[in-house]
């Protein structure tokens, strides 16, 4: 009998990242993975329908040039300061592979995006985790870890809280390593940190078209950094990492950016409505700058039971049974107004 394959020791020890549940029933109200409840721009669909056989027959543009040119115009930065990824997750992976090796320290505050832990484990690097306080403020200790790389998601997931650009600038100036500012949800916030790239060569800002542009299924992310940093990332990314139809979709979405902004405004309005309603029901809700809210369930209510009750009623939210800090919390993505009506009705029913 053949011997089973021997994985590298650090791969054998690690735990994989577990994405949110993907329901097969189309009637389920899906509020667990922070997707946009509104469709992508009609221009996206029109351009995809207009794609030709050459988009499938030929390899895609390895540089995703059309996307980078549009981003360059949008943010008034040179094309050379952008690289496009298969979702921002690929670019997070590329960055860790560029700067962190076995035994190196990589820092981030927690609770936050659990995918960071997987990326650190893949490199056999060592995670330095600093606990957020209950208000999810940027911990001062992050500046003192000596890490080769520091992750700061802003807005943070699962809390939805945003870090001020002033605090991020101070952190960038204090650390000697790379600062990765993960801005997946920034289009639902009042400010971002992109301008820090102009002043700090050690800052990489990651963004995605998955959330605000309604393109999660197309997997388009981008990062912005100093030209020499981008040149290094370019060496490591997969050469044909963005398929041709995804490039068509992203270019169209950027050509119709007002569509995204309109939908983001709708989501922000619903977020404020949901926040107020949950607080009236006795929940503690953190001030969110994302397309979701984190809420601590009302006193005397079990979060796991609330999660299960909503699931039984066809509504998926995110529950964190393996995180002691979040055992009494639920994370709820912002849906449509009708989704929100149904959610609030079912929560009220479960509370009686």
C-alpha atoms as a PDB file:
ATOM      1  CA  UNK A   1       0.000   0.000   0.000  1.00  0.00           C
ATOM      2  CA  UNK A   2       1.315   3.417  -0.937  1.00  0.00           C
ATOM      3  CA  UNK A   3       2.266   5.702   1.920  1.00  0.00           C
ATOM      4  CA  UNK A   4       0.117   8.815   2.344  1.00  0.00           C
ATOM      5  CA  UNK A   5       1.773  12.067   1.242  1.00  0.00           C
ATOM      6  CA  UNK A   6       3.780  13.931   3.850  1.00  0.00           C
ATOM      7  CA  UNK A   7       2.777  17.578   4.034  1.00  0.00           C
ATOM      8  CA  UNK A   8       5.250  20.182   5.190  1.00  0.00           C
ATOM      9  CA  UNK A   9       5.019  20.246   8.999  1.00  0.00           C
ATOM     10  CA  UNK A  10       3.611  23.769   9.223  1.00  0.00           C
ATOM     11  CA  UNK A  11       0.928  22.912   6.616  1.00  0.00           C
ATOM     12  CA  UNK A  12      -0.051  19.749   8.487  1.00  0.00           C
ATOM     13  CA  UNK A  13      -0.478  21.753  11.704  1.00  0.00           C
ATOM     14  CA  UNK A  14      -2.513  24.646  10.323  1.00  0.00           C
ATOM     15  CA  UNK A  15      -6.287  25.056  10.181  1.00  0.00           C
ATOM     16  CA  UNK A  16      -7.905  26.219   6.960  1.00  0.00           C
ATOM     17  CA  UNK A  17     -10.123  29.275   6.631  1.00  0.00           C
ATOM     18  CA  UNK A  18     -13.854  28.485   6.758  1.00  0.00           C
ATOM     19  CA  UNK A  19     -15.988  30.826   4.589  1.00  0.00           C
ATOM     20  CA  UNK A  20     -19.574  31.698   5.448  1.00  0.00           C
ATOM     21  CA  UNK A  21     -22.348  29.272   4.595  1.00  0.00           C
ATOM     22  CA  UNK A  22     -23.629  29.386   1.016  1.00  0.00           C
ATOM     23  CA  UNK A  23     -27.306  28.332   0.972  1.00  0.00           C
ATOM     24  CA  UNK A  24     -28.751  26.354  -1.929  1.00  0.00           C
ATOM     25  CA  UNK A  25     -32.303  27.552  -1.346  1.00  0.00           C
ATOM     26  CA  UNK A  26     -32.845  30.742  -3.345  1.00  0.00           C
ATOM     27  CA  UNK A  27     -35.538  31.830  -0.882  1.00  0.00           C
ATOM     28  CA  UNK A  28     -33.023  32.151   1.957  1.00  0.00           C
ATOM     29  CA  UNK A  29     -32.253  35.720   3.007  1.00  0.00           C
ATOM     30  CA  UNK A  30     -28.467  35.691   3.018  1.00  0.00           C
ATOM     31  CA  UNK A  31     -27.048  38.167   5.537  1.00  0.00           C
ATOM     32  CA  UNK A  32     -23.912  36.260   6.547  1.00  0.00           C
ATOM     33  CA  UNK A  33     -21.169  37.074   4.017  1.00  0.00           C
ATOM     34  CA  UNK A  34     -21.414  40.848   3.506  1.00  0.00           C
ATOM     35  CA  UNK A  35     -22.475  40.681  -0.121  1.00  0.00           C
ATOM     36  CA  UNK A  36     -24.200  43.615  -1.772  1.00  0.00           C
ATOM     37  CA  UNK A  37     -27.986  43.052  -1.925  1.00  0.00           C
ATOM     38  CA  UNK A  38     -28.292  45.122  -5.114  1.00  0.00           C
ATOM     39  CA  UNK A  39     -27.233  44.076  -8.621  1.00  0.00           C
ATOM     40  CA  UNK A  40     -24.155  45.285 -10.428  1.00  0.00           C
ATOM     41  CA  UNK A  41     -24.471  48.141 -12.901  1.00  0.00           C
ATOM     42  CA  UNK A  42     -26.524  47.329 -16.018  1.00  0.00           C
ATOM     43  CA  UNK A  43     -23.442  48.380 -17.971  1.00  0.00           C
ATOM     44  CA  UNK A  44     -21.600  45.394 -16.483  1.00  0.00           C
ATOM     45  CA  UNK A  45     -24.198  42.966 -17.801  1.00  0.00           C
ATOM     46  CA  UNK A  46     -24.307  44.685 -21.181  1.00  0.00           C
ATOM     47  CA  UNK A  47     -20.541  44.499 -21.617  1.00  0.00           C
ATOM     48  CA  UNK A  48     -20.430  40.837 -20.551  1.00  0.00           C
ATOM     49  CA  UNK A  49     -23.197  39.986 -23.035  1.00  0.00           C
ATOM     50  CA  UNK A  50     -21.182  41.809 -25.687  1.00  0.00           C
ATOM     51  CA  UNK A  51     -18.033  39.788 -25.029  1.00  0.00           C
ATOM     52  CA  UNK A  52     -16.791  37.768 -27.995  1.00  0.00           C
ATOM     53  CA  UNK A  53     -15.320  34.325 -28.402  1.00  0.00           C
ATOM     54  CA  UNK A  54     -11.866  35.880 -28.275  1.00  0.00           C
ATOM     55  CA  UNK A  55     -12.419  36.676 -24.594  1.00  0.00           C
ATOM     56  CA  UNK A  56     -12.533  32.919 -23.972  1.00  0.00           C
ATOM     57  CA  UNK A  57     -10.088  31.727 -26.623  1.00  0.00           C
ATOM     58  CA  UNK A  58      -7.205  34.011 -25.731  1.00  0.00           C
ATOM     59  CA  UNK A  59      -5.328  34.511 -22.496  1.00  0.00           C
ATOM     60  CA  UNK A  60      -6.435  37.590 -20.554  1.00  0.00           C
ATOM     61  CA  UNK A  61      -4.386  40.776 -20.252  1.00  0.00           C
ATOM     62  CA  UNK A  62      -1.851  39.817 -17.580  1.00  0.00           C
ATOM     63  CA  UNK A  63      -1.608  43.400 -16.388  1.00  0.00           C
ATOM     64  CA  UNK A  64      -5.357  44.089 -16.281  1.00  0.00           C
ATOM     65  CA  UNK A  65      -4.368  47.340 -17.982  1.00  0.00           C
ATOM     66  CA  UNK A  66      -7.878  48.653 -18.528  1.00  0.00           C
ATOM     67  CA  UNK A  67      -8.707  48.335 -14.844  1.00  0.00           C
ATOM     68  CA  UNK A  68      -5.466  49.977 -13.730  1.00  0.00           C
ATOM     69  CA  UNK A  69      -5.925  52.902 -16.101  1.00  0.00           C
ATOM     70  CA  UNK A  70      -9.398  53.570 -14.762  1.00  0.00           C
ATOM     71  CA  UNK A  71      -8.199  53.361 -11.155  1.00  0.00           C
ATOM     72  CA  UNK A  72      -5.316  55.697 -11.997  1.00  0.00           C
ATOM     73  CA  UNK A  73      -7.758  58.298 -13.281  1.00  0.00           C
ATOM     74  CA  UNK A  74     -10.170  57.788 -10.396  1.00  0.00           C
ATOM     75  CA  UNK A  75      -7.562  58.206  -7.648  1.00  0.00           C
ATOM     76  CA  UNK A  76      -5.099  60.499  -9.465  1.00  0.00           C
ATOM     77  CA  UNK A  77      -2.158  58.146  -8.997  1.00  0.00           C
ATOM     78  CA  UNK A  78       0.184  56.657 -11.619  1.00  0.00           C
ATOM     79  CA  UNK A  79      -0.810  53.354 -13.229  1.00  0.00           C
ATOM     80  CA  UNK A  80       2.447  51.922 -11.900  1.00  0.00           C
ATOM     81  CA  UNK A  81       1.119  52.181  -8.332  1.00  0.00           C
ATOM     82  CA  UNK A  82      -1.679  49.644  -8.861  1.00  0.00           C
ATOM     83  CA  UNK A  83      -1.783  45.874  -9.102  1.00  0.00           C
ATOM     84  CA  UNK A  84      -4.985  43.886  -9.646  1.00  0.00           C
ATOM     85  CA  UNK A  85      -5.760  40.638  -7.847  1.00  0.00           C
ATOM     86  CA  UNK A  86      -8.183  37.742  -7.908  1.00  0.00           C
ATOM     87  CA  UNK A  87     -10.065  39.403  -5.093  1.00  0.00           C
ATOM     88  CA  UNK A  88      -8.137  41.337  -2.467  1.00  0.00           C
ATOM     89  CA  UNK A  89      -7.534  37.972  -0.761  1.00  0.00           C
ATOM     90  CA  UNK A  90      -5.023  37.049  -3.470  1.00  0.00           C
ATOM     91  CA  UNK A  91      -3.209  40.336  -2.917  1.00  0.00           C
ATOM     92  CA  UNK A  92      -3.088  39.786   0.842  1.00  0.00           C
ATOM     93  CA  UNK A  93      -1.546  36.399   0.078  1.00  0.00           C
ATOM     94  CA  UNK A  94       0.965  37.933  -2.329  1.00  0.00           C
ATOM     95  CA  UNK A  95       1.980  40.594   0.195  1.00  0.00           C
ATOM     96  CA  UNK A  96       2.624  38.065   2.946  1.00  0.00           C
ATOM     97  CA  UNK A  97       4.678  35.922   0.572  1.00  0.00           C
ATOM     98  CA  UNK A  98       6.756  38.978  -0.346  1.00  0.00           C
ATOM     99  CA  UNK A  99       7.580  40.201   3.152  1.00  0.00           C
ATOM    100  CA  UNK A 100       7.171  37.402   5.722  1.00  0.00           C
ATOM    101  CA  UNK A 101       9.239  34.238   5.896  1.00  0.00           C
ATOM    102  CA  UNK A 102       9.549  31.381   8.391  1.00  0.00           C
ATOM    103  CA  UNK A 103       9.688  32.710  11.939  1.00  0.00           C
ATOM    104  CA  UNK A 104       9.032  36.340  11.000  1.00  0.00           C
ATOM    105  CA  UNK A 105       6.510  38.285  13.074  1.00  0.00           C
ATOM    106  CA  UNK A 106       3.262  39.473  11.481  1.00  0.00           C
ATOM    107  CA  UNK A 107       0.960  41.567  13.673  1.00  0.00           C
ATOM    108  CA  UNK A 108      -2.720  42.389  13.705  1.00  0.00           C
ATOM    109  CA  UNK A 109      -5.426  43.235  16.210  1.00  0.00           C
ATOM    110  CA  UNK A 110      -8.169  40.774  17.001  1.00  0.00           C
ATOM    111  CA  UNK A 111     -11.040  39.979  16.589  1.00  0.00           C
ATOM    112  CA  UNK A 112     -10.662  40.748  12.892  1.00  0.00           C
ATOM    113  CA  UNK A 113     -10.451  38.931   9.558  1.00  0.00           C
ATOM    114  CA  UNK A 114      -9.471  35.308  10.375  1.00  0.00           C
ATOM    115  CA  UNK A 115      -7.918  34.825   6.926  1.00  0.00           C
ATOM    116  CA  UNK A 116      -4.829  36.689   8.145  1.00  0.00           C
ATOM    117  CA  UNK A 117      -4.005  33.765  10.427  1.00  0.00           C
ATOM    118  CA  UNK A 118      -4.099  31.319   7.531  1.00  0.00           C
ATOM    119  CA  UNK A 119      -1.792  33.461   5.394  1.00  0.00           C
ATOM    120  CA  UNK A 120       0.702  33.746   8.249  1.00  0.00           C
ATOM    121  CA  UNK A 121       0.601  29.985   8.833  1.00  0.00           C
ATOM    122  CA  UNK A 122       1.216  29.287   5.141  1.00  0.00           C
ATOM    123  CA  UNK A 123       4.516  31.150   5.388  1.00  0.00           C
ATOM    124  CA  UNK A 124       5.459  29.474   8.671  1.00  0.00           C
ATOM    125  CA  UNK A 125       5.644  32.986  10.066  1.00  0.00           C
ATOM    126  CA  UNK A 126       4.525  33.879  13.612  1.00  0.00           C
ATOM    127  CA  UNK A 127       1.381  35.835  14.401  1.00  0.00           C
ATOM    128  CA  UNK A 128       1.465  38.599  17.008  1.00  0.00           C
ATOM    129  CA  UNK A 129      -2.122  39.342  17.975  1.00  0.00           C
ATOM    130  CA  UNK A 130      -3.168  42.355  20.031  1.00  0.00           C
ATOM    131  CA  UNK A 131      -6.648  42.402  21.536  1.00  0.00           C
ATOM    132  CA  UNK A 132      -8.961  45.215  20.515  1.00  0.00           C
ATOM    133  CA  UNK A 133     -10.667  46.931  23.421  1.00  0.00           C
ATOM    134  CA  UNK A 134     -14.447  46.815  23.586  1.00  0.00           C
ATOM    135  CA  UNK A 135     -14.695  49.939  21.407  1.00  0.00           C
ATOM    136  CA  UNK A 136     -12.415  48.381  18.752  1.00  0.00           C
ATOM    137  CA  UNK A 137      -9.963  51.279  18.844  1.00  0.00           C
ATOM    138  CA  UNK A 138      -6.603  50.881  17.107  1.00  0.00           C
ATOM    139  CA  UNK A 139      -4.300  49.405  19.778  1.00  0.00           C
ATOM    140  CA  UNK A 140      -1.186  51.448  20.520  1.00  0.00           C
ATOM    141  CA  UNK A 141       0.703  48.175  21.059  1.00  0.00           C
ATOM    142  CA  UNK A 142       0.664  47.472  17.318  1.00  0.00           C
ATOM    143  CA  UNK A 143       3.437  50.036  16.924  1.00  0.00           C
ATOM    144  CA  UNK A 144       5.690  48.114  19.313  1.00  0.00           C
ATOM    145  CA  UNK A 145       5.601  44.532  18.016  1.00  0.00           C
ATOM    146  CA  UNK A 146       8.699  44.690  15.818  1.00  0.00           C
ATOM    147  CA  UNK A 147       6.746  42.860  13.100  1.00  0.00           C
ATOM    148  CA  UNK A 148       7.873  42.772   9.474  1.00  0.00           C
ATOM    149  CA  UNK A 149       4.232  43.286   8.512  1.00  0.00           C
ATOM    150  CA  UNK A 150       1.158  44.678  10.257  1.00  0.00           C
ATOM    151  CA  UNK A 151      -2.428  44.225   9.099  1.00  0.00           C
ATOM    152  CA  UNK A 152      -5.105  46.794   9.924  1.00  0.00           C
ATOM    153  CA  UNK A 153      -8.569  46.223   8.449  1.00  0.00           C
ATOM    154  CA  UNK A 154     -10.488  49.487   8.279  1.00  0.00           C
ATOM    155  CA  UNK A 155     -13.423  49.208   8.510  1.00  0.00           C
ATOM    156  CA  UNK A 156     -12.757  46.150  10.616  1.00  0.00           C
ATOM    157  CA  UNK A 157     -14.640  42.909  10.304  1.00  0.00           C
ATOM    158  CA  UNK A 158     -16.545  41.740  12.298  1.00  0.00           C
ATOM    159  CA  UNK A 159     -17.038  45.020  14.183  1.00  0.00           C
ATOM    160  CA  UNK A 160     -17.567  47.384  11.229  1.00  0.00           C
ATOM    161  CA  UNK A 161     -15.585  50.057  13.059  1.00  0.00           C
ATOM    162  CA  UNK A 162     -13.217  52.325  11.111  1.00  0.00           C
ATOM    163  CA  UNK A 163      -9.789  53.618  12.096  1.00  0.00           C
ATOM    164  CA  UNK A 164      -9.068  57.303  11.573  1.00  0.00           C
ATOM    165  CA  UNK A 165      -6.582  58.241   8.877  1.00  0.00           C
ATOM    166  CA  UNK A 166      -4.680  60.196  11.528  1.00  0.00           C
ATOM    167  CA  UNK A 167      -4.224  57.104  13.700  1.00  0.00           C
ATOM    168  CA  UNK A 168      -3.163  55.038  10.686  1.00  0.00           C
ATOM    169  CA  UNK A 169      -0.654  57.698   9.618  1.00  0.00           C
ATOM    170  CA  UNK A 170       0.850  57.701  13.108  1.00  0.00           C
ATOM    171  CA  UNK A 171       1.158  53.910  13.018  1.00  0.00           C
ATOM    172  CA  UNK A 172       2.798  53.988   9.570  1.00  0.00           C
ATOM    173  CA  UNK A 173       5.383  56.462  10.855  1.00  0.00           C
ATOM    174  CA  UNK A 174       6.212  54.413  13.954  1.00  0.00           C
ATOM    175  CA  UNK A 175       6.725  50.944  12.501  1.00  0.00           C
ATOM    176  CA  UNK A 176       9.680  49.824  10.410  1.00  0.00           C
ATOM    177  CA  UNK A 177       7.813  47.061   8.583  1.00  0.00           C
ATOM    178  CA  UNK A 178       5.040  47.048   6.005  1.00  0.00           C
ATOM    179  CA  UNK A 179       1.608  48.344   7.003  1.00  0.00           C
ATOM    180  CA  UNK A 180      -1.233  46.714   5.068  1.00  0.00           C
ATOM    181  CA  UNK A 181      -4.479  48.684   5.398  1.00  0.00           C
ATOM    182  CA  UNK A 182      -7.291  46.387   4.324  1.00  0.00           C
ATOM    183  CA  UNK A 183     -10.126  48.612   3.056  1.00  0.00           C
ATOM    184  CA  UNK A 184     -12.581  46.047   1.693  1.00  0.00           C
ATOM    185  CA  UNK A 185     -15.536  48.029   3.083  1.00  0.00           C
ATOM    186  CA  UNK A 186     -14.262  51.577   2.661  1.00  0.00           C
ATOM    187  CA  UNK A 187     -16.961  52.666   0.190  1.00  0.00           C
ATOM    188  CA  UNK A 188     -19.471  52.489   3.057  1.00  0.00           C
ATOM    189  CA  UNK A 189     -17.292  54.707   5.283  1.00  0.00           C
ATOM    190  CA  UNK A 190     -16.697  58.452   5.442  1.00  0.00           C
ATOM    191  CA  UNK A 191     -12.948  58.343   4.832  1.00  0.00           C
ATOM    192  CA  UNK A 192     -10.197  56.067   3.591  1.00  0.00           C
ATOM    193  CA  UNK A 193      -6.438  55.874   3.901  1.00  0.00           C
ATOM    194  CA  UNK A 194      -5.421  55.913   0.252  1.00  0.00           C
ATOM    195  CA  UNK A 195      -3.678  59.255   0.622  1.00  0.00           C
ATOM    196  CA  UNK A 196      -1.173  57.652   3.014  1.00  0.00           C
ATOM    197  CA  UNK A 197       0.402  55.898   0.033  1.00  0.00           C
ATOM    198  CA  UNK A 198       1.580  59.308  -1.195  1.00  0.00           C
ATOM    199  CA  UNK A 199       3.440  59.950   2.083  1.00  0.00           C
ATOM    200  CA  UNK A 200       4.562  56.542   3.364  1.00  0.00           C
ATOM    201  CA  UNK A 201       6.550  54.055   1.271  1.00  0.00           C
ATOM    202  CA  UNK A 202       5.742  51.252   3.742  1.00  0.00           C
ATOM    203  CA  UNK A 203       1.948  51.455   3.283  1.00  0.00           C
ATOM    204  CA  UNK A 204      -0.071  49.115   1.075  1.00  0.00           C
ATOM    205  CA  UNK A 205      -3.799  49.828   0.749  1.00  0.00           C
ATOM    206  CA  UNK A 206      -6.001  46.909  -0.322  1.00  0.00           C
ATOM    207  CA  UNK A 207      -9.481  47.343  -1.806  1.00  0.00           C
ATOM    208  CA  UNK A 208     -12.050  45.193  -3.583  1.00  0.00           C
ATOM    209  CA  UNK A 209     -14.915  45.468  -6.046  1.00  0.00           C
ATOM    210  CA  UNK A 210     -16.716  42.590  -4.326  1.00  0.00           C
ATOM    211  CA  UNK A 211     -18.698  44.586  -1.780  1.00  0.00           C
ATOM    212  CA  UNK A 212     -19.692  48.031  -2.978  1.00  0.00           C
ATOM    213  CA  UNK A 213     -19.596  47.214  -6.713  1.00  0.00           C
ATOM    214  CA  UNK A 214     -21.677  44.002  -6.357  1.00  0.00           C
ATOM    215  CA  UNK A 215     -18.993  41.911  -8.064  1.00  0.00           C
ATOM    216  CA  UNK A 216     -18.177  39.299  -5.405  1.00  0.00           C
ATOM    217  CA  UNK A 217     -18.646  36.525  -7.967  1.00  0.00           C
ATOM    218  CA  UNK A 218     -16.101  38.065 -10.352  1.00  0.00           C
ATOM    219  CA  UNK A 219     -13.246  38.258  -7.801  1.00  0.00           C
ATOM    220  CA  UNK A 220     -11.626  41.638  -8.455  1.00  0.00           C
ATOM    221  CA  UNK A 221      -9.355  43.318  -5.927  1.00  0.00           C
ATOM    222  CA  UNK A 222      -6.638  45.920  -6.189  1.00  0.00           C
ATOM    223  CA  UNK A 223      -3.886  47.358  -4.095  1.00  0.00           C
ATOM    224  CA  UNK A 224      -2.080  50.673  -4.129  1.00  0.00           C
ATOM    225  CA  UNK A 225       1.463  51.286  -2.909  1.00  0.00           C
ATOM    226  CA  UNK A 226       4.749  52.952  -3.767  1.00  0.00           C
ATOM    227  CA  UNK A 227       6.036  51.942  -7.247  1.00  0.00           C
ATOM    228  CA  UNK A 228       8.900  49.862  -5.852  1.00  0.00           C
ATOM    229  CA  UNK A 229       6.522  47.931  -3.612  1.00  0.00           C
ATOM    230  CA  UNK A 230       4.114  47.299  -6.483  1.00  0.00           C
ATOM    231  CA  UNK A 231       7.017  46.080  -8.628  1.00  0.00           C
ATOM    232  CA  UNK A 232       7.815  43.473  -5.997  1.00  0.00           C
ATOM    233  CA  UNK A 233       4.213  42.334  -5.660  1.00  0.00           C
ATOM    234  CA  UNK A 234       4.056  42.030  -9.444  1.00  0.00           C
ATOM    235  CA  UNK A 235       6.798  39.364  -9.353  1.00  0.00           C
ATOM    236  CA  UNK A 236       4.781  37.137  -7.053  1.00  0.00           C
ATOM    237  CA  UNK A 237       1.199  37.421  -8.321  1.00  0.00           C
ATOM    238  CA  UNK A 238      -0.046  34.791 -10.773  1.00  0.00           C
ATOM    239  CA  UNK A 239       0.576  36.037 -14.297  1.00  0.00           C
ATOM    240  CA  UNK A 240      -2.939  35.454 -15.720  1.00  0.00           C
ATOM    241  CA  UNK A 241      -4.731  35.965 -12.413  1.00  0.00           C
ATOM    242  CA  UNK A 242      -7.730  37.998 -13.660  1.00  0.00           C
ATOM    243  CA  UNK A 243      -9.875  36.239 -16.253  1.00  0.00           C
ATOM    244  CA  UNK A 244     -11.067  38.161 -19.294  1.00  0.00           C
ATOM    245  CA  UNK A 245     -14.740  38.391 -18.327  1.00  0.00           C
ATOM    246  CA  UNK A 246     -13.839  39.660 -14.864  1.00  0.00           C
ATOM    247  CA  UNK A 247     -11.769  42.384 -16.505  1.00  0.00           C
ATOM    248  CA  UNK A 248     -14.704  43.321 -18.739  1.00  0.00           C
ATOM    249  CA  UNK A 249     -16.971  43.490 -15.679  1.00  0.00           C
ATOM    250  CA  UNK A 250     -14.559  45.555 -13.592  1.00  0.00           C
ATOM    251  CA  UNK A 251     -13.918  48.063 -16.369  1.00  0.00           C
ATOM    252  CA  UNK A 252     -17.659  48.523 -16.880  1.00  0.00           C
ATOM    253  CA  UNK A 253     -18.295  48.916 -13.145  1.00  0.00           C
ATOM    254  CA  UNK A 254     -15.646  51.626 -12.931  1.00  0.00           C
ATOM    255  CA  UNK A 255     -17.113  53.343 -15.994  1.00  0.00           C
ATOM    256  CA  UNK A 256     -20.437  53.564 -14.128  1.00  0.00           C
ATOM    257  CA  UNK A 257     -19.167  54.395 -10.657  1.00  0.00           C
ATOM    258  CA  UNK A 258     -22.250  56.481  -9.835  1.00  0.00           C
ATOM    259  CA  UNK A 259     -24.258  53.237  -9.802  1.00  0.00           C
ATOM    260  CA  UNK A 260     -22.022  51.924  -7.016  1.00  0.00           C
ATOM    261  CA  UNK A 261     -22.230  55.175  -5.080  1.00  0.00           C
ATOM    262  CA  UNK A 262     -26.023  55.192  -5.257  1.00  0.00           C
ATOM    263  CA  UNK A 263     -26.254  51.632  -3.943  1.00  0.00           C
ATOM    264  CA  UNK A 264     -23.688  52.350  -1.221  1.00  0.00           C
ATOM    265  CA  UNK A 265     -25.831  55.262  -0.045  1.00  0.00           C
ATOM    266  CA  UNK A 266     -28.887  52.989   0.068  1.00  0.00           C
ATOM    267  CA  UNK A 267     -26.971  50.451   2.144  1.00  0.00           C
ATOM    268  CA  UNK A 268     -25.735  53.129   4.551  1.00  0.00           C
ATOM    269  CA  UNK A 269     -29.307  54.371   5.061  1.00  0.00           C
ATOM    270  CA  UNK A 270     -30.534  50.825   5.768  1.00  0.00           C
ATOM    271  CA  UNK A 271     -27.584  50.248   8.091  1.00  0.00           C
ATOM    272  CA  UNK A 272     -28.579  53.250  10.173  1.00  0.00           C
ATOM    273  CA  UNK A 273     -32.180  52.100  10.273  1.00  0.00           C
ATOM    274  CA  UNK A 274     -31.193  48.559  11.333  1.00  0.00           C
ATOM    275  CA  UNK A 275     -28.807  49.887  13.980  1.00  0.00           C
ATOM    276  CA  UNK A 276     -31.499  52.038  15.563  1.00  0.00           C
ATOM    277  CA  UNK A 277     -34.095  49.250  15.454  1.00  0.00           C
ATOM    278  CA  UNK A 278     -31.768  46.687  17.054  1.00  0.00           C
ATOM    279  CA  UNK A 279     -30.843  49.108  19.817  1.00  0.00           C
ATOM    280  CA  UNK A 280     -34.518  49.661  20.547  1.00  0.00           C
ATOM    281  CA  UNK A 281     -34.845  45.868  20.909  1.00  0.00           C
ATOM    282  CA  UNK A 282     -32.126  45.890  23.563  1.00  0.00           C
ATOM    283  CA  UNK A 283     -29.087  44.931  21.447  1.00  0.00           C
ATOM    284  CA  UNK A 284     -25.693  46.599  21.794  1.00  0.00           C
ATOM    285  CA  UNK A 285     -24.694  47.634  18.246  1.00  0.00           C
ATOM    286  CA  UNK A 286     -21.272  49.046  17.431  1.00  0.00           C
ATOM    287  CA  UNK A 287     -21.166  52.083  15.145  1.00  0.00           C
ATOM    288  CA  UNK A 288     -20.484  50.552  11.747  1.00  0.00           C
ATOM    289  CA  UNK A 289     -18.774  52.064   8.710  1.00  0.00           C
ATOM    290  CA  UNK A 290     -19.271  48.891   6.652  1.00  0.00           C
ATOM    291  CA  UNK A 291     -22.134  47.029   4.972  1.00  0.00           C
ATOM    292  CA  UNK A 292     -22.867  45.018   8.117  1.00  0.00           C
ATOM    293  CA  UNK A 293     -23.341  45.533  11.835  1.00  0.00           C
ATOM    294  CA  UNK A 294     -22.000  43.664  14.831  1.00  0.00           C
ATOM    295  CA  UNK A 295     -24.516  43.373  17.629  1.00  0.00           C
ATOM    296  CA  UNK A 296     -24.398  41.908  21.110  1.00  0.00           C
ATOM    297  CA  UNK A 297     -27.679  40.175  21.775  1.00  0.00           C
ATOM    298  CA  UNK A 298     -30.085  41.507  24.349  1.00  0.00           C
ATOM    299  CA  UNK A 299     -29.575  40.538  27.985  1.00  0.00           C
ATOM    300  CA  UNK A 300     -30.820  37.044  28.753  1.00  0.00           C
ATOM    301  CA  UNK A 301     -30.774  35.941  25.095  1.00  0.00           C
ATOM    302  CA  UNK A 302     -28.400  33.274  23.796  1.00  0.00           C
ATOM    303  CA  UNK A 303     -26.705  34.321  20.539  1.00  0.00           C
ATOM    304  CA  UNK A 304     -26.441  30.728  19.326  1.00  0.00           C
ATOM    305  CA  UNK A 305     -30.146  30.202  19.835  1.00  0.00           C
ATOM    306  CA  UNK A 306     -30.909  33.462  18.039  1.00  0.00           C
ATOM    307  CA  UNK A 307     -28.688  32.401  15.131  1.00  0.00           C
ATOM    308  CA  UNK A 308     -30.361  28.984  14.931  1.00  0.00           C
ATOM    309  CA  UNK A 309     -33.836  30.474  15.210  1.00  0.00           C
ATOM    310  CA  UNK A 310     -33.189  32.872  12.339  1.00  0.00           C
ATOM    311  CA  UNK A 311     -31.672  30.076  10.267  1.00  0.00           C
ATOM    312  CA  UNK A 312     -34.754  27.924  10.811  1.00  0.00           C
ATOM    313  CA  UNK A 313     -36.819  30.855   9.530  1.00  0.00           C
ATOM    314  CA  UNK A 314     -34.734  31.185   6.367  1.00  0.00           C
ATOM    315  CA  UNK A 315     -32.396  34.001   7.412  1.00  0.00           C
ATOM    316  CA  UNK A 316     -28.637  33.477   7.606  1.00  0.00           C
ATOM    317  CA  UNK A 317     -26.474  35.715   9.792  1.00  0.00           C
ATOM    318  CA  UNK A 318     -22.930  35.145  11.064  1.00  0.00           C
ATOM    319  CA  UNK A 319     -22.306  33.557  14.459  1.00  0.00           C
ATOM    320  CA  UNK A 320     -18.867  33.007  16.010  1.00  0.00           C
ATOM    321  CA  UNK A 321     -19.050  29.967  18.321  1.00  0.00           C
ATOM    322  CA  UNK A 322     -15.262  29.496  18.292  1.00  0.00           C
ATOM    323  CA  UNK A 323     -14.397  33.046  19.367  1.00  0.00           C
ATOM    324  CA  UNK A 324     -14.810  33.703  23.114  1.00  0.00           C
ATOM    325  CA  UNK A 325     -14.907  37.482  22.536  1.00  0.00           C
ATOM    326  CA  UNK A 326     -17.904  37.138  20.213  1.00  0.00           C
ATOM    327  CA  UNK A 327     -19.941  34.331  21.755  1.00  0.00           C
ATOM    328  CA  UNK A 328     -22.799  36.699  22.572  1.00  0.00           C
ATOM    329  CA  UNK A 329     -22.657  38.507  19.225  1.00  0.00           C
ATOM    330  CA  UNK A 330     -24.072  38.230  15.725  1.00  0.00           C
ATOM    331  CA  UNK A 331     -22.800  39.919  12.578  1.00  0.00           C
ATOM    332  CA  UNK A 332     -25.580  40.908  10.199  1.00  0.00           C
ATOM    333  CA  UNK A 333     -24.989  41.990   6.604  1.00  0.00           C
ATOM    334  CA  UNK A 334     -27.126  44.836   5.319  1.00  0.00           C
ATOM    335  CA  UNK A 335     -29.827  43.589   2.967  1.00  0.00           C
ATOM    336  CA  UNK A 336     -32.590  45.316   1.092  1.00  0.00           C
ATOM    337  CA  UNK A 337     -35.315  47.204   2.909  1.00  0.00           C
ATOM    338  CA  UNK A 338     -37.636  44.192   2.588  1.00  0.00           C
ATOM    339  CA  UNK A 339     -34.886  41.876   3.886  1.00  0.00           C
ATOM    340  CA  UNK A 340     -34.519  44.180   6.872  1.00  0.00           C
ATOM    341  CA  UNK A 341     -38.267  44.236   7.519  1.00  0.00           C
ATOM    342  CA  UNK A 342     -38.333  40.441   7.568  1.00  0.00           C
ATOM    343  CA  UNK A 343     -35.226  40.212   9.754  1.00  0.00           C
ATOM    344  CA  UNK A 344     -36.604  42.601  12.355  1.00  0.00           C
ATOM    345  CA  UNK A 345     -39.966  40.819  12.382  1.00  0.00           C
ATOM    346  CA  UNK A 346     -38.304  37.451  12.990  1.00  0.00           C
ATOM    347  CA  UNK A 347     -35.984  38.823  15.695  1.00  0.00           C
ATOM    348  CA  UNK A 348     -38.952  40.393  17.460  1.00  0.00           C
ATOM    349  CA  UNK A 349     -40.774  37.077  17.257  1.00  0.00           C
ATOM    350  CA  UNK A 350     -37.811  35.206  18.734  1.00  0.00           C
ATOM    351  CA  UNK A 351     -37.594  37.693  21.608  1.00  0.00           C
ATOM    352  CA  UNK A 352     -41.222  37.138  22.699  1.00  0.00           C
END
